[in-house]
Amino acid sequence: MTNYSVKISNRAKHVSLKITPTDGLVVVVPKGFNHSLLDDLVARRQGWIEKTLQRYKDYPVQEQDTTLPNEICLPALGEKWCVSFIKTSASTVRVTATENFQLRIIGYTENITACRKALRRWLMRHARQNLIPLLDLASDDCALPYRKATVRGQRTRWGSCSSTASINLNYQLMFVSPEMMNYVLVHELCHTAHLNHSRHFYNLLASYISDYKIIESQLKQAWHSMPGWLQPL
């Protein structure tokens, strides 16, 4: 049986299983739950667990990196931002951006964790301002409408599409090439027509991106190139 760790949650009402590349299988249980029942519960989900763990082998675990960037390159947008640090007496950290691609981290800059969080907040805002308009353009070009779009920081997926045609994009897409970024946008838009990976789905995808198999392979490797400061310490 797969090894697992247990997380006790005061807010949980039911037992749930979560799998991530870094933590493996985590069983979240409500406070006071009888832990002797967990082995049997995990055994019953073994098929799903093995399938999910196999899929996550494509997403490497990055070594912990405690450095801060001096520049941030965003190939998907063709941008390169220079990063400077301005130490003040403030106990917090904030990021300001200028029109000439300068990022200034201002405040308690000795707090690496706070600086990285501030950079991720800026990146999330920047991704929302850019990825969603690009999704709109792709939607118009493909004649594949969607209901709404959000941008998040998933650890294992570049994007997703729900049964209600709501698309979620990963802000890390800004670190891949324009071709790979566009592939993810079109891939998720195709799911508004086929919410699966059937022959019909791939036929539709190929009608927009003929070399999609090559780009899919490149995206699997792209996780290796994500900057370390994106990951929480």
C-alpha atoms as a PDB file:
ATOM      1  CA  MET A   1       0.000   0.000   0.000  1.00  0.00           C
ATOM      2  CA  THR A   2       1.183   3.532  -0.759  1.00  0.00           C
ATOM      3  CA  ASN A   3       2.811   5.427   2.103  1.00  0.00           C
ATOM      4  CA  TYR A   4       0.913   8.493   3.232  1.00  0.00           C
ATOM      5  CA  SER A   5       0.986  11.311   5.743  1.00  0.00           C
ATOM      6  CA  VAL A   6      -1.959  12.537   7.799  1.00  0.00           C
ATOM      7  CA  LYS A   7      -3.080  16.130   8.209  1.00  0.00           C
ATOM      8  CA  ILE A   8      -5.645  16.954  10.884  1.00  0.00           C
ATOM      9  CA  SER A   9      -7.976  19.781   9.917  1.00  0.00           C
ATOM     10  CA  ASN A  10     -10.322  21.587  12.285  1.00  0.00           C
ATOM     11  CA  ARG A  11     -12.383  22.701   9.287  1.00  0.00           C
ATOM     12  CA  ALA A  12     -12.699  19.359   7.494  1.00  0.00           C
ATOM     13  CA  LYS A  13     -15.997  17.480   7.789  1.00  0.00           C
ATOM     14  CA  HIS A  14     -14.953  14.436   5.773  1.00  0.00           C
ATOM     15  CA  VAL A  15     -11.780  12.509   4.979  1.00  0.00           C
ATOM     16  CA  SER A  16     -10.119  13.593   1.729  1.00  0.00           C
ATOM     17  CA  LEU A  17      -7.045  12.408  -0.181  1.00  0.00           C
ATOM     18  CA  LYS A  18      -4.643  14.855  -1.810  1.00  0.00           C
ATOM     19  CA  ILE A  19      -1.558  14.152  -3.901  1.00  0.00           C
ATOM     20  CA  THR A  20       1.186  16.632  -4.790  1.00  0.00           C
ATOM     21  CA  PRO A  21       4.665  16.088  -6.303  1.00  0.00           C
ATOM     22  CA  THR A  22       6.347  17.407  -3.172  1.00  0.00           C
ATOM     23  CA  ASP A  23       4.207  15.865  -0.420  1.00  0.00           C
ATOM     24  CA  GLY A  24       3.015  12.661  -2.065  1.00  0.00           C
ATOM     25  CA  LEU A  25      -0.217  11.247  -0.667  1.00  0.00           C
ATOM     26  CA  VAL A  26      -1.731  13.298   2.165  1.00  0.00           C
ATOM     27  CA  VAL A  27      -4.877  12.154   3.959  1.00  0.00           C
ATOM     28  CA  VAL A  28      -6.800  15.090   5.445  1.00  0.00           C
ATOM     29  CA  VAL A  29      -9.000  14.065   8.365  1.00  0.00           C
ATOM     30  CA  PRO A  30     -11.381  15.923  10.687  1.00  0.00           C
ATOM     31  CA  LYS A  31     -10.291  16.461  14.251  1.00  0.00           C
ATOM     32  CA  GLY A  32     -11.115  13.409  16.360  1.00  0.00           C
ATOM     33  CA  PHE A  33     -11.239  10.985  13.433  1.00  0.00           C
ATOM     34  CA  ASN A  34     -10.304   7.359  14.203  1.00  0.00           C
ATOM     35  CA  HIS A  35      -6.928   6.895  12.508  1.00  0.00           C
ATOM     36  CA  SER A  36      -7.183   3.111  12.634  1.00  0.00           C
ATOM     37  CA  LEU A  37      -9.689   3.342   9.760  1.00  0.00           C
ATOM     38  CA  LEU A  38      -7.271   5.064   7.398  1.00  0.00           C
ATOM     39  CA  ASP A  39      -5.370   2.049   6.050  1.00  0.00           C
ATOM     40  CA  ASP A  40      -8.591   0.476   4.802  1.00  0.00           C
ATOM     41  CA  LEU A  41      -9.769   3.772   3.312  1.00  0.00           C
ATOM     42  CA  VAL A  42      -6.485   4.275   1.461  1.00  0.00           C
ATOM     43  CA  ALA A  43      -6.509   0.671   0.233  1.00  0.00           C
ATOM     44  CA  ARG A  44      -9.941   1.198  -1.348  1.00  0.00           C
ATOM     45  CA  ARG A  45      -8.599   4.183  -3.311  1.00  0.00           C
ATOM     46  CA  GLN A  46      -5.380   2.468  -4.358  1.00  0.00           C
ATOM     47  CA  GLY A  47      -6.283   2.428  -8.055  1.00  0.00           C
ATOM     48  CA  TRP A  48      -6.837   6.189  -8.168  1.00  0.00           C
ATOM     49  CA  ILE A  49      -3.736   6.793  -6.032  1.00  0.00           C
ATOM     50  CA  GLU A  50      -1.407   4.807  -8.297  1.00  0.00           C
ATOM     51  CA  LYS A  51      -2.829   6.406 -11.444  1.00  0.00           C
ATOM     52  CA  THR A  52      -2.421   9.911 -10.026  1.00  0.00           C
ATOM     53  CA  LEU A  53       1.104   9.289  -8.716  1.00  0.00           C
ATOM     54  CA  GLN A  54       2.110   7.958 -12.128  1.00  0.00           C
ATOM     55  CA  ARG A  55       0.775  11.081 -13.811  1.00  0.00           C
ATOM     56  CA  TYR A  56       2.636  13.327 -11.392  1.00  0.00           C
ATOM     57  CA  LYS A  57       5.988  11.748 -12.305  1.00  0.00           C
ATOM     58  CA  ASP A  58       6.037  14.218 -15.206  1.00  0.00           C
ATOM     59  CA  TYR A  59       6.272  17.097 -12.723  1.00  0.00           C
ATOM     60  CA  PRO A  60       9.688  17.226 -11.042  1.00  0.00           C
ATOM     61  CA  VAL A  61      10.188  18.350  -7.462  1.00  0.00           C
ATOM     62  CA  GLN A  62      12.373  21.437  -7.440  1.00  0.00           C
ATOM     63  CA  GLU A  63      15.140  21.841  -4.904  1.00  0.00           C
ATOM     64  CA  GLN A  64      14.569  24.577  -2.367  1.00  0.00           C
ATOM     65  CA  ASP A  65      16.039  27.854  -3.549  1.00  0.00           C
ATOM     66  CA  THR A  66      16.413  30.709  -1.062  1.00  0.00           C
ATOM     67  CA  THR A  67      17.703  33.286  -3.563  1.00  0.00           C
ATOM     68  CA  LEU A  68      15.850  36.301  -4.913  1.00  0.00           C
ATOM     69  CA  PRO A  69      15.933  37.256  -8.610  1.00  0.00           C
ATOM     70  CA  ASN A  70      17.781  40.244 -10.054  1.00  0.00           C
ATOM     71  CA  GLU A  71      15.706  39.947 -13.203  1.00  0.00           C
ATOM     72  CA  ILE A  72      12.502  38.207 -14.219  1.00  0.00           C
ATOM     73  CA  CYS A  73      12.119  36.992 -17.796  1.00  0.00           C
ATOM     74  CA  LEU A  74       8.599  36.301 -19.049  1.00  0.00           C
ATOM     75  CA  PRO A  75       9.048  34.722 -22.524  1.00  0.00           C
ATOM     76  CA  ALA A  76       5.308  34.275 -23.125  1.00  0.00           C
ATOM     77  CA  LEU A  77       4.926  38.067 -23.059  1.00  0.00           C
ATOM     78  CA  GLY A  78       8.364  38.964 -24.440  1.00  0.00           C
ATOM     79  CA  GLU A  79       9.219  40.850 -21.251  1.00  0.00           C
ATOM     80  CA  LYS A  80      12.332  41.160 -19.099  1.00  0.00           C
ATOM     81  CA  TRP A  81      11.999  42.922 -15.759  1.00  0.00           C
ATOM     82  CA  CYS A  82      14.949  44.254 -13.777  1.00  0.00           C
ATOM     83  CA  VAL A  83      14.522  43.813 -10.015  1.00  0.00           C
ATOM     84  CA  SER A  84      15.968  46.155  -7.396  1.00  0.00           C
ATOM     85  CA  PHE A  85      15.667  46.086  -3.616  1.00  0.00           C
ATOM     86  CA  ILE A  86      15.094  49.196  -1.523  1.00  0.00           C
ATOM     87  CA  LYS A  87      15.405  48.616   2.216  1.00  0.00           C
ATOM     88  CA  THR A  88      13.307  50.845   4.469  1.00  0.00           C
ATOM     89  CA  SER A  89      12.213  50.793   8.109  1.00  0.00           C
ATOM     90  CA  ALA A  90       8.850  49.287   7.140  1.00  0.00           C
ATOM     91  CA  SER A  91       7.990  45.881   8.593  1.00  0.00           C
ATOM     92  CA  THR A  92       6.301  44.757   5.365  1.00  0.00           C
ATOM     93  CA  VAL A  93       7.296  44.410   1.719  1.00  0.00           C
ATOM     94  CA  ARG A  94       5.643  45.774  -1.410  1.00  0.00           C
ATOM     95  CA  VAL A  95       6.447  45.701  -5.119  1.00  0.00           C
ATOM     96  CA  THR A  96       6.111  48.627  -7.506  1.00  0.00           C
ATOM     97  CA  ALA A  97       6.412  48.349 -11.282  1.00  0.00           C
ATOM     98  CA  THR A  98       7.378  51.066 -13.762  1.00  0.00           C
ATOM     99  CA  GLU A  99       6.592  51.398 -17.459  1.00  0.00           C
ATOM    100  CA  ASN A 100      10.213  50.626 -18.414  1.00  0.00           C
ATOM    101  CA  PHE A 101      10.112  47.136 -16.900  1.00  0.00           C
ATOM    102  CA  GLN A 102      11.644  47.982 -13.528  1.00  0.00           C
ATOM    103  CA  LEU A 103      10.427  46.176 -10.412  1.00  0.00           C
ATOM    104  CA  ARG A 104      11.252  47.673  -7.041  1.00  0.00           C
ATOM    105  CA  ILE A 105      10.897  45.611  -3.871  1.00  0.00           C
ATOM    106  CA  ILE A 106      10.501  48.099  -1.050  1.00  0.00           C
ATOM    107  CA  GLY A 107      10.436  47.562   2.711  1.00  0.00           C
ATOM    108  CA  TYR A 108      11.921  44.878   4.926  1.00  0.00           C
ATOM    109  CA  THR A 109      13.946  43.330   2.109  1.00  0.00           C
ATOM    110  CA  GLU A 110      15.972  41.107   4.438  1.00  0.00           C
ATOM    111  CA  ASN A 111      12.861  38.958   4.854  1.00  0.00           C
ATOM    112  CA  ILE A 112      13.297  36.613   1.883  1.00  0.00           C
ATOM    113  CA  THR A 113       9.974  34.888   2.452  1.00  0.00           C
ATOM    114  CA  ALA A 114       8.101  38.213   2.428  1.00  0.00           C
ATOM    115  CA  CYS A 115       9.942  39.346  -0.707  1.00  0.00           C
ATOM    116  CA  ARG A 116       9.063  36.157  -2.554  1.00  0.00           C
ATOM    117  CA  LYS A 117       5.427  36.426  -1.506  1.00  0.00           C
ATOM    118  CA  ALA A 118       5.322  40.032  -2.728  1.00  0.00           C
ATOM    119  CA  LEU A 119       6.827  39.012  -6.073  1.00  0.00           C
ATOM    120  CA  ARG A 120       4.290  36.206  -6.470  1.00  0.00           C
ATOM    121  CA  ARG A 121       1.447  38.638  -5.725  1.00  0.00           C
ATOM    122  CA  TRP A 122       2.762  40.976  -8.419  1.00  0.00           C
ATOM    123  CA  LEU A 123       3.154  38.077 -10.843  1.00  0.00           C
ATOM    124  CA  MET A 124      -0.422  36.954 -10.207  1.00  0.00           C
ATOM    125  CA  ARG A 125      -1.747  40.467 -10.935  1.00  0.00           C
ATOM    126  CA  HIS A 126       0.398  40.732 -14.046  1.00  0.00           C
ATOM    127  CA  ALA A 127      -0.748  37.322 -15.269  1.00  0.00           C
ATOM    128  CA  ARG A 128      -4.416  38.234 -14.867  1.00  0.00           C
ATOM    129  CA  GLN A 129      -3.872  41.463 -16.781  1.00  0.00           C
ATOM    130  CA  ASN A 130      -2.242  39.625 -19.690  1.00  0.00           C
ATOM    131  CA  LEU A 131      -3.314  35.980 -19.881  1.00  0.00           C
ATOM    132  CA  ILE A 132      -7.060  36.576 -19.827  1.00  0.00           C
ATOM    133  CA  PRO A 133      -6.986  39.084 -22.738  1.00  0.00           C
ATOM    134  CA  LEU A 134      -4.839  36.574 -24.669  1.00  0.00           C
ATOM    135  CA  LEU A 135      -7.407  33.892 -23.898  1.00  0.00           C
ATOM    136  CA  ASP A 136     -10.108  36.202 -25.251  1.00  0.00           C
ATOM    137  CA  LEU A 137      -8.182  36.595 -28.516  1.00  0.00           C
ATOM    138  CA  ALA A 138      -7.696  32.837 -28.829  1.00  0.00           C
ATOM    139  CA  SER A 139     -11.377  32.292 -28.078  1.00  0.00           C
ATOM    140  CA  ASP A 140     -12.373  34.652 -30.893  1.00  0.00           C
ATOM    141  CA  ASP A 141      -9.861  33.118 -33.330  1.00  0.00           C
ATOM    142  CA  CYS A 142     -11.057  29.570 -32.612  1.00  0.00           C
ATOM    143  CA  ALA A 143     -14.730  30.484 -32.288  1.00  0.00           C
ATOM    144  CA  LEU A 144     -14.775  28.631 -28.973  1.00  0.00           C
ATOM    145  CA  PRO A 145     -16.462  30.751 -26.291  1.00  0.00           C
ATOM    146  CA  TYR A 146     -15.949  30.204 -22.571  1.00  0.00           C
ATOM    147  CA  ARG A 147     -17.930  31.385 -19.559  1.00  0.00           C
ATOM    148  CA  LYS A 148     -15.294  32.862 -17.278  1.00  0.00           C
ATOM    149  CA  ALA A 149     -11.553  32.704 -16.644  1.00  0.00           C
ATOM    150  CA  THR A 150      -9.378  32.777 -13.544  1.00  0.00           C
ATOM    151  CA  VAL A 151      -5.616  32.732 -12.959  1.00  0.00           C
ATOM    152  CA  ARG A 152      -4.055  30.759 -10.121  1.00  0.00           C
ATOM    153  CA  GLY A 153      -0.768  29.177  -9.078  1.00  0.00           C
ATOM    154  CA  GLN A 154      -1.359  25.451  -9.535  1.00  0.00           C
ATOM    155  CA  ARG A 155       1.574  23.190  -8.813  1.00  0.00           C
ATOM    156  CA  THR A 156       0.845  20.441 -11.329  1.00  0.00           C
ATOM    157  CA  ARG A 157      -1.366  21.817 -14.125  1.00  0.00           C
ATOM    158  CA  TRP A 158      -0.884  24.505 -16.733  1.00  0.00           C
ATOM    159  CA  GLY A 159      -4.620  24.961 -17.034  1.00  0.00           C
ATOM    160  CA  SER A 160      -8.037  23.362 -16.638  1.00  0.00           C
ATOM    161  CA  CYS A 161     -11.591  23.685 -17.910  1.00  0.00           C
ATOM    162  CA  SER A 162     -14.744  22.826 -15.969  1.00  0.00           C
ATOM    163  CA  SER A 163     -18.035  21.401 -17.181  1.00  0.00           C
ATOM    164  CA  THR A 164     -19.459  24.934 -17.057  1.00  0.00           C
ATOM    165  CA  ALA A 165     -16.801  26.190 -19.535  1.00  0.00           C
ATOM    166  CA  SER A 166     -14.880  28.024 -16.810  1.00  0.00           C
ATOM    167  CA  ILE A 167     -11.162  28.086 -17.608  1.00  0.00           C
ATOM    168  CA  ASN A 168      -8.391  28.308 -15.068  1.00  0.00           C
ATOM    169  CA  LEU A 169      -4.848  29.256 -16.134  1.00  0.00           C
ATOM    170  CA  ASN A 170      -1.570  28.878 -14.263  1.00  0.00           C
ATOM    171  CA  TYR A 171       0.406  32.109 -13.831  1.00  0.00           C
ATOM    172  CA  GLN A 172       3.586  30.117 -14.485  1.00  0.00           C
ATOM    173  CA  LEU A 173       2.555  30.099 -18.161  1.00  0.00           C
ATOM    174  CA  MET A 174       4.305  33.452 -18.391  1.00  0.00           C
ATOM    175  CA  PHE A 175       7.634  31.609 -18.082  1.00  0.00           C
ATOM    176  CA  VAL A 176       7.133  29.427 -21.172  1.00  0.00           C
ATOM    177  CA  SER A 177       7.406  30.305 -24.855  1.00  0.00           C
ATOM    178  CA  PRO A 178       4.536  32.075 -26.660  1.00  0.00           C
ATOM    179  CA  GLU A 179       3.890  28.850 -28.602  1.00  0.00           C
ATOM    180  CA  MET A 180       3.530  26.779 -25.438  1.00  0.00           C
ATOM    181  CA  MET A 181       1.396  29.419 -23.769  1.00  0.00           C
ATOM    182  CA  ASN A 182      -0.903  29.615 -26.795  1.00  0.00           C
ATOM    183  CA  TYR A 183      -1.161  25.817 -26.896  1.00  0.00           C
ATOM    184  CA  VAL A 184      -2.501  25.763 -23.325  1.00  0.00           C
ATOM    185  CA  LEU A 185      -5.051  28.463 -24.127  1.00  0.00           C
ATOM    186  CA  VAL A 186      -6.305  26.570 -27.190  1.00  0.00           C
ATOM    187  CA  HIS A 187      -6.189  23.216 -25.368  1.00  0.00           C
ATOM    188  CA  GLU A 188      -8.473  24.486 -22.618  1.00  0.00           C
ATOM    189  CA  LEU A 189     -10.774  26.194 -25.115  1.00  0.00           C
ATOM    190  CA  CYS A 190     -11.152  22.885 -26.972  1.00  0.00           C
ATOM    191  CA  HIS A 191     -12.377  21.398 -23.709  1.00  0.00           C
ATOM    192  CA  THR A 192     -15.397  23.684 -23.902  1.00  0.00           C
ATOM    193  CA  ALA A 193     -16.475  21.510 -26.840  1.00  0.00           C
ATOM    194  CA  HIS A 194     -15.124  18.136 -25.612  1.00  0.00           C
ATOM    195  CA  LEU A 195     -14.597  17.808 -21.866  1.00  0.00           C
ATOM    196  CA  ASN A 196     -12.279  14.823 -22.299  1.00  0.00           C
ATOM    197  CA  HIS A 197      -9.190  13.700 -24.197  1.00  0.00           C
ATOM    198  CA  SER A 198     -11.050  11.693 -26.805  1.00  0.00           C
ATOM    199  CA  ARG A 199     -10.294  11.366 -30.517  1.00  0.00           C
ATOM    200  CA  HIS A 200     -12.807  14.145 -31.188  1.00  0.00           C
ATOM    201  CA  PHE A 201     -10.970  16.445 -28.769  1.00  0.00           C
ATOM    202  CA  TYR A 202      -7.567  15.863 -30.353  1.00  0.00           C
ATOM    203  CA  ASN A 203      -8.972  16.214 -33.863  1.00  0.00           C
ATOM    204  CA  LEU A 204     -10.313  19.613 -32.876  1.00  0.00           C
ATOM    205  CA  LEU A 205      -7.034  20.584 -31.222  1.00  0.00           C
ATOM    206  CA  ALA A 206      -5.047  19.484 -34.290  1.00  0.00           C
ATOM    207  CA  SER A 207      -7.227  21.676 -36.497  1.00  0.00           C
ATOM    208  CA  TYR A 208      -5.790  24.695 -34.662  1.00  0.00           C
ATOM    209  CA  ILE A 209      -2.305  23.428 -33.700  1.00  0.00           C
ATOM    210  CA  SER A 210      -1.003  20.750 -36.047  1.00  0.00           C
ATOM    211  CA  ASP A 211       2.216  20.075 -34.059  1.00  0.00           C
ATOM    212  CA  TYR A 212       0.467  19.855 -30.686  1.00  0.00           C
ATOM    213  CA  LYS A 213       2.263  16.608 -29.760  1.00  0.00           C
ATOM    214  CA  ILE A 214       5.656  18.315 -29.927  1.00  0.00           C
ATOM    215  CA  ILE A 215       4.447  21.209 -27.802  1.00  0.00           C
ATOM    216  CA  GLU A 216       2.888  18.834 -25.254  1.00  0.00           C
ATOM    217  CA  SER A 217       6.289  17.184 -24.828  1.00  0.00           C
ATOM    218  CA  GLN A 218       7.972  20.572 -24.420  1.00  0.00           C
ATOM    219  CA  LEU A 219       5.483  21.586 -21.751  1.00  0.00           C
ATOM    220  CA  LYS A 220       6.259  18.498 -19.687  1.00  0.00           C
ATOM    221  CA  GLN A 221       9.901  19.559 -19.613  1.00  0.00           C
ATOM    222  CA  ALA A 222       9.080  23.227 -18.986  1.00  0.00           C
ATOM    223  CA  TRP A 223       8.427  22.514 -15.300  1.00  0.00           C
ATOM    224  CA  HIS A 224      12.209  22.116 -14.941  1.00  0.00           C
ATOM    225  CA  SER A 225      12.761  25.752 -15.911  1.00  0.00           C
ATOM    226  CA  MET A 226      10.400  27.405 -13.433  1.00  0.00           C
ATOM    227  CA  PRO A 227      12.302  29.810 -11.128  1.00  0.00           C
ATOM    228  CA  GLY A 228      12.818  28.646  -7.561  1.00  0.00           C
ATOM    229  CA  TRP A 229      11.397  31.820  -5.995  1.00  0.00           C
ATOM    230  CA  LEU A 230       7.936  30.801  -7.181  1.00  0.00           C
ATOM    231  CA  GLN A 231       7.878  28.030  -4.577  1.00  0.00           C
ATOM    232  CA  PRO A 232       7.065  28.838  -0.913  1.00  0.00           C
ATOM    233  CA  LEU A 233       9.958  28.392   1.522  1.00  0.00           C
END
